[in-house]
């Protein structure tokens, strides 16, 4: 999941070298934190959060194979 979020985020931003993705797993869910440059935050979130929602949908669809809940946090 981490690699998927990283590939998507790097394609969206102006500064792909500043994309940092961390993945933490607990008994209930996998938490993926996405950090980008402050100037790129709007590009990852999108108008009314549309891009962020799309990223979460793609990750959720990919996680159905593992039968795990995935939470994507954008910082």
N, C-alpha and C. Protein backbone atom coordinates (compact mmCIF):
# COMPACT_ATOMS: atom_id res chain seq x y z
N UNK A 1 0.82 -1.19 0.00
CA UNK A 1 0.00 0.00 0.00
C UNK A 1 0.87 1.26 0.00
N UNK A 2 1.95 1.20 0.75
CA UNK A 2 2.83 2.36 0.85
C UNK A 2 3.35 2.78 -0.52
N UNK A 3 3.77 1.80 -1.30
CA UNK A 3 4.33 2.09 -2.62
C UNK A 3 3.27 2.70 -3.55
N UNK A 4 2.05 2.21 -3.44
CA UNK A 4 0.96 2.72 -4.27
C UNK A 4 0.71 4.20 -3.98
N UNK A 5 0.62 4.57 -2.72
CA UNK A 5 0.39 5.96 -2.34
C UNK A 5 1.56 6.83 -2.79
N UNK A 6 2.77 6.30 -2.66
CA UNK A 6 3.96 7.06 -3.04
C UNK A 6 3.99 7.34 -4.53
N UNK A 7 3.65 6.36 -5.35
CA UNK A 7 3.65 6.54 -6.80
C UNK A 7 2.61 7.57 -7.21
N UNK A 8 1.42 7.48 -6.63
CA UNK A 8 0.35 8.42 -6.97
C UNK A 8 0.75 9.84 -6.56
N UNK A 9 1.27 9.99 -5.35
CA UNK A 9 1.63 11.32 -4.85
C UNK A 9 2.76 11.94 -5.66
N UNK A 10 3.76 11.16 -6.00
CA UNK A 10 4.89 11.68 -6.79
C UNK A 10 4.44 12.17 -8.16
N UNK A 11 3.41 11.56 -8.72
CA UNK A 11 2.91 11.97 -10.03
C UNK A 11 2.14 13.29 -9.95
N UNK A 12 1.63 13.63 -8.78
CA UNK A 12 0.80 14.82 -8.63
C UNK A 12 1.57 16.09 -8.27
N UNK A 13 2.69 15.97 -7.59
CA UNK A 13 3.34 17.13 -6.98
C UNK A 13 4.45 17.71 -7.87
N UNK A 14 4.86 18.95 -7.52
CA UNK A 14 5.97 19.61 -8.21
C UNK A 14 7.32 19.19 -7.66
N UNK A 15 7.36 18.79 -6.39
CA UNK A 15 8.60 18.39 -5.72
C UNK A 15 8.51 16.93 -5.28
N UNK A 16 8.68 15.99 -6.21
CA UNK A 16 8.50 14.57 -5.87
C UNK A 16 9.54 14.05 -4.88
N UNK A 17 10.70 14.72 -4.77
CA UNK A 17 11.72 14.27 -3.83
C UNK A 17 11.31 14.51 -2.38
N UNK A 18 10.34 15.38 -2.15
CA UNK A 18 9.92 15.70 -0.79
C UNK A 18 8.71 14.87 -0.34
N UNK A 19 8.30 13.92 -1.14
CA UNK A 19 7.19 13.05 -0.76
C UNK A 19 7.70 11.99 0.21
N UNK A 20 7.06 11.92 1.38
CA UNK A 20 7.43 10.92 2.39
C UNK A 20 6.17 10.15 2.78
N UNK A 21 6.24 8.84 2.67
CA UNK A 21 5.10 7.99 3.01
C UNK A 21 5.55 7.01 4.09
N UNK A 22 4.80 6.99 5.20
CA UNK A 22 5.09 6.03 6.26
C UNK A 22 3.87 5.15 6.48
N UNK A 23 4.13 3.91 6.82
CA UNK A 23 3.05 2.95 7.00
C UNK A 23 3.17 2.33 8.39
N UNK A 24 2.08 2.39 9.13
CA UNK A 24 2.03 1.82 10.47
C UNK A 24 0.87 0.85 10.52
N UNK A 25 1.11 -0.31 11.09
CA UNK A 25 0.05 -1.32 11.14
C UNK A 25 -0.25 -1.67 12.59
N UNK A 26 -1.55 -1.68 12.92
CA UNK A 26 -1.97 -2.15 14.23
C UNK A 26 -3.00 -3.26 14.02
N UNK A 27 -3.60 -3.74 15.09
CA UNK A 27 -4.52 -4.88 14.96
C UNK A 27 -5.79 -4.55 14.19
N UNK A 28 -6.18 -3.28 14.13
CA UNK A 28 -7.43 -2.91 13.47
C UNK A 28 -7.24 -2.42 12.04
N UNK A 29 -6.15 -1.71 11.77
CA UNK A 29 -6.02 -1.08 10.46
C UNK A 29 -4.57 -0.79 10.12
N UNK A 30 -4.37 -0.44 8.87
CA UNK A 30 -3.08 0.05 8.40
C UNK A 30 -3.22 1.55 8.21
N UNK A 31 -2.33 2.32 8.83
CA UNK A 31 -2.37 3.77 8.73
C UNK A 31 -1.21 4.22 7.85
N UNK A 32 -1.56 4.93 6.77
CA UNK A 32 -0.56 5.43 5.84
C UNK A 32 -0.55 6.95 5.96
N UNK A 33 0.62 7.51 6.31
CA UNK A 33 0.76 8.96 6.42
C UNK A 33 1.52 9.47 5.20
N UNK A 34 0.94 10.47 4.56
CA UNK A 34 1.54 11.07 3.37
C UNK A 34 1.94 12.50 3.70
N UNK A 35 3.23 12.79 3.56
CA UNK A 35 3.73 14.15 3.79
C UNK A 35 4.34 14.66 2.49
N UNK A 36 3.94 15.88 2.11
CA UNK A 36 4.47 16.51 0.90
C UNK A 36 4.93 17.92 1.26
N UNK A 37 5.60 18.58 0.32
CA UNK A 37 6.02 19.97 0.53
C UNK A 37 4.78 20.83 0.75
N UNK A 38 4.92 21.87 1.55
CA UNK A 38 3.76 22.71 1.88
C UNK A 38 3.12 23.32 0.64
N UNK A 39 3.90 23.60 -0.38
CA UNK A 39 3.34 24.17 -1.60
C UNK A 39 2.57 23.13 -2.43
N UNK A 40 2.80 21.85 -2.16
CA UNK A 40 2.13 20.78 -2.89
C UNK A 40 0.91 20.21 -2.18
N UNK A 41 0.64 20.66 -0.98
CA UNK A 41 -0.47 20.11 -0.21
C UNK A 41 -1.79 20.25 -0.95
N UNK A 42 -2.03 21.40 -1.54
CA UNK A 42 -3.27 21.63 -2.27
C UNK A 42 -3.43 20.72 -3.47
N UNK A 43 -2.33 20.37 -4.10
CA UNK A 43 -2.39 19.49 -5.27
C UNK A 43 -2.76 18.06 -4.88
N UNK A 44 -2.35 17.65 -3.70
CA UNK A 44 -2.66 16.30 -3.23
C UNK A 44 -4.09 16.23 -2.69
N UNK A 45 -4.57 17.33 -2.12
CA UNK A 45 -5.93 17.34 -1.57
C UNK A 45 -6.95 17.63 -2.67
N UNK A 46 -6.70 18.61 -3.51
CA UNK A 46 -7.61 18.93 -4.60
C UNK A 46 -8.79 19.78 -4.15
N UNK A 47 -9.57 20.24 -5.11
CA UNK A 47 -10.75 21.05 -4.79
C UNK A 47 -11.78 20.18 -4.07
N UNK A 48 -12.23 20.69 -2.95
CA UNK A 48 -13.21 19.99 -2.11
C UNK A 48 -12.75 18.58 -1.72
N UNK A 49 -11.43 18.36 -1.72
CA UNK A 49 -10.89 17.07 -1.30
C UNK A 49 -11.09 15.94 -2.29
N UNK A 50 -11.33 16.28 -3.53
CA UNK A 50 -11.62 15.24 -4.53
C UNK A 50 -10.44 14.32 -4.80
N UNK A 51 -9.25 14.87 -4.91
CA UNK A 51 -8.08 14.04 -5.20
C UNK A 51 -7.76 13.16 -3.99
N UNK A 52 -7.84 13.73 -2.79
CA UNK A 52 -7.59 12.95 -1.58
C UNK A 52 -8.59 11.80 -1.48
N UNK A 53 -9.84 12.08 -1.79
CA UNK A 53 -10.87 11.04 -1.74
C UNK A 53 -10.59 9.95 -2.78
N UNK A 54 -10.11 10.35 -3.95
CA UNK A 54 -9.78 9.38 -4.99
C UNK A 54 -8.60 8.50 -4.57
N UNK A 55 -7.59 9.10 -3.96
CA UNK A 55 -6.44 8.32 -3.47
C UNK A 55 -6.91 7.30 -2.45
N UNK A 56 -7.76 7.74 -1.53
CA UNK A 56 -8.27 6.83 -0.51
C UNK A 56 -9.09 5.70 -1.13
N UNK A 57 -9.87 6.00 -2.17
CA UNK A 57 -10.68 4.98 -2.83
C UNK A 57 -9.81 3.92 -3.52
N UNK A 58 -8.76 4.36 -4.19
CA UNK A 58 -7.87 3.43 -4.87
C UNK A 58 -7.16 2.53 -3.86
N UNK A 59 -6.70 3.12 -2.77
CA UNK A 59 -6.01 2.34 -1.73
C UNK A 59 -6.97 1.36 -1.07
N UNK A 60 -8.19 1.81 -0.83
CA UNK A 60 -9.19 0.93 -0.23
C UNK A 60 -9.49 -0.25 -1.14
N UNK A 61 -9.59 0.00 -2.44
CA UNK A 61 -9.85 -1.07 -3.39
C UNK A 61 -8.68 -2.06 -3.43
N UNK A 62 -7.47 -1.55 -3.35
CA UNK A 62 -6.30 -2.43 -3.36
C UNK A 62 -6.19 -3.23 -2.06
N UNK A 63 -6.73 -2.71 -0.98
CA UNK A 63 -6.64 -3.38 0.33
C UNK A 63 -7.69 -4.46 0.52
N UNK A 64 -8.66 -4.53 -0.36
CA UNK A 64 -9.71 -5.54 -0.19
C UNK A 64 -9.15 -6.96 -0.33
N UNK A 65 -8.05 -7.12 -1.05
CA UNK A 65 -7.42 -8.44 -1.16
C UNK A 65 -6.90 -8.91 0.19
N UNK A 66 -6.34 -7.99 0.98
CA UNK A 66 -5.78 -8.33 2.28
C UNK A 66 -6.82 -8.35 3.39
N UNK A 67 -8.04 -7.90 3.08
CA UNK A 67 -9.12 -7.83 4.06
C UNK A 67 -8.72 -7.01 5.27
N UNK A 68 -8.07 -5.87 5.03
CA UNK A 68 -7.66 -4.95 6.08
C UNK A 68 -8.26 -3.58 5.82
N UNK A 69 -8.47 -2.82 6.88
CA UNK A 69 -8.91 -1.44 6.75
C UNK A 69 -7.67 -0.57 6.60
N UNK A 70 -7.73 0.35 5.66
CA UNK A 70 -6.60 1.24 5.40
C UNK A 70 -7.03 2.68 5.58
N UNK A 71 -6.25 3.44 6.35
CA UNK A 71 -6.52 4.85 6.59
C UNK A 71 -5.37 5.66 5.99
N UNK A 72 -5.71 6.61 5.12
CA UNK A 72 -4.69 7.47 4.50
C UNK A 72 -4.82 8.87 5.12
N UNK A 73 -3.74 9.30 5.77
CA UNK A 73 -3.70 10.64 6.37
C UNK A 73 -2.75 11.50 5.56
N UNK A 74 -3.22 12.70 5.20
CA UNK A 74 -2.39 13.63 4.43
C UNK A 74 -1.98 14.78 5.33
N UNK A 75 -0.68 15.01 5.39
CA UNK A 75 -0.16 16.08 6.26
C UNK A 75 0.63 17.07 5.48
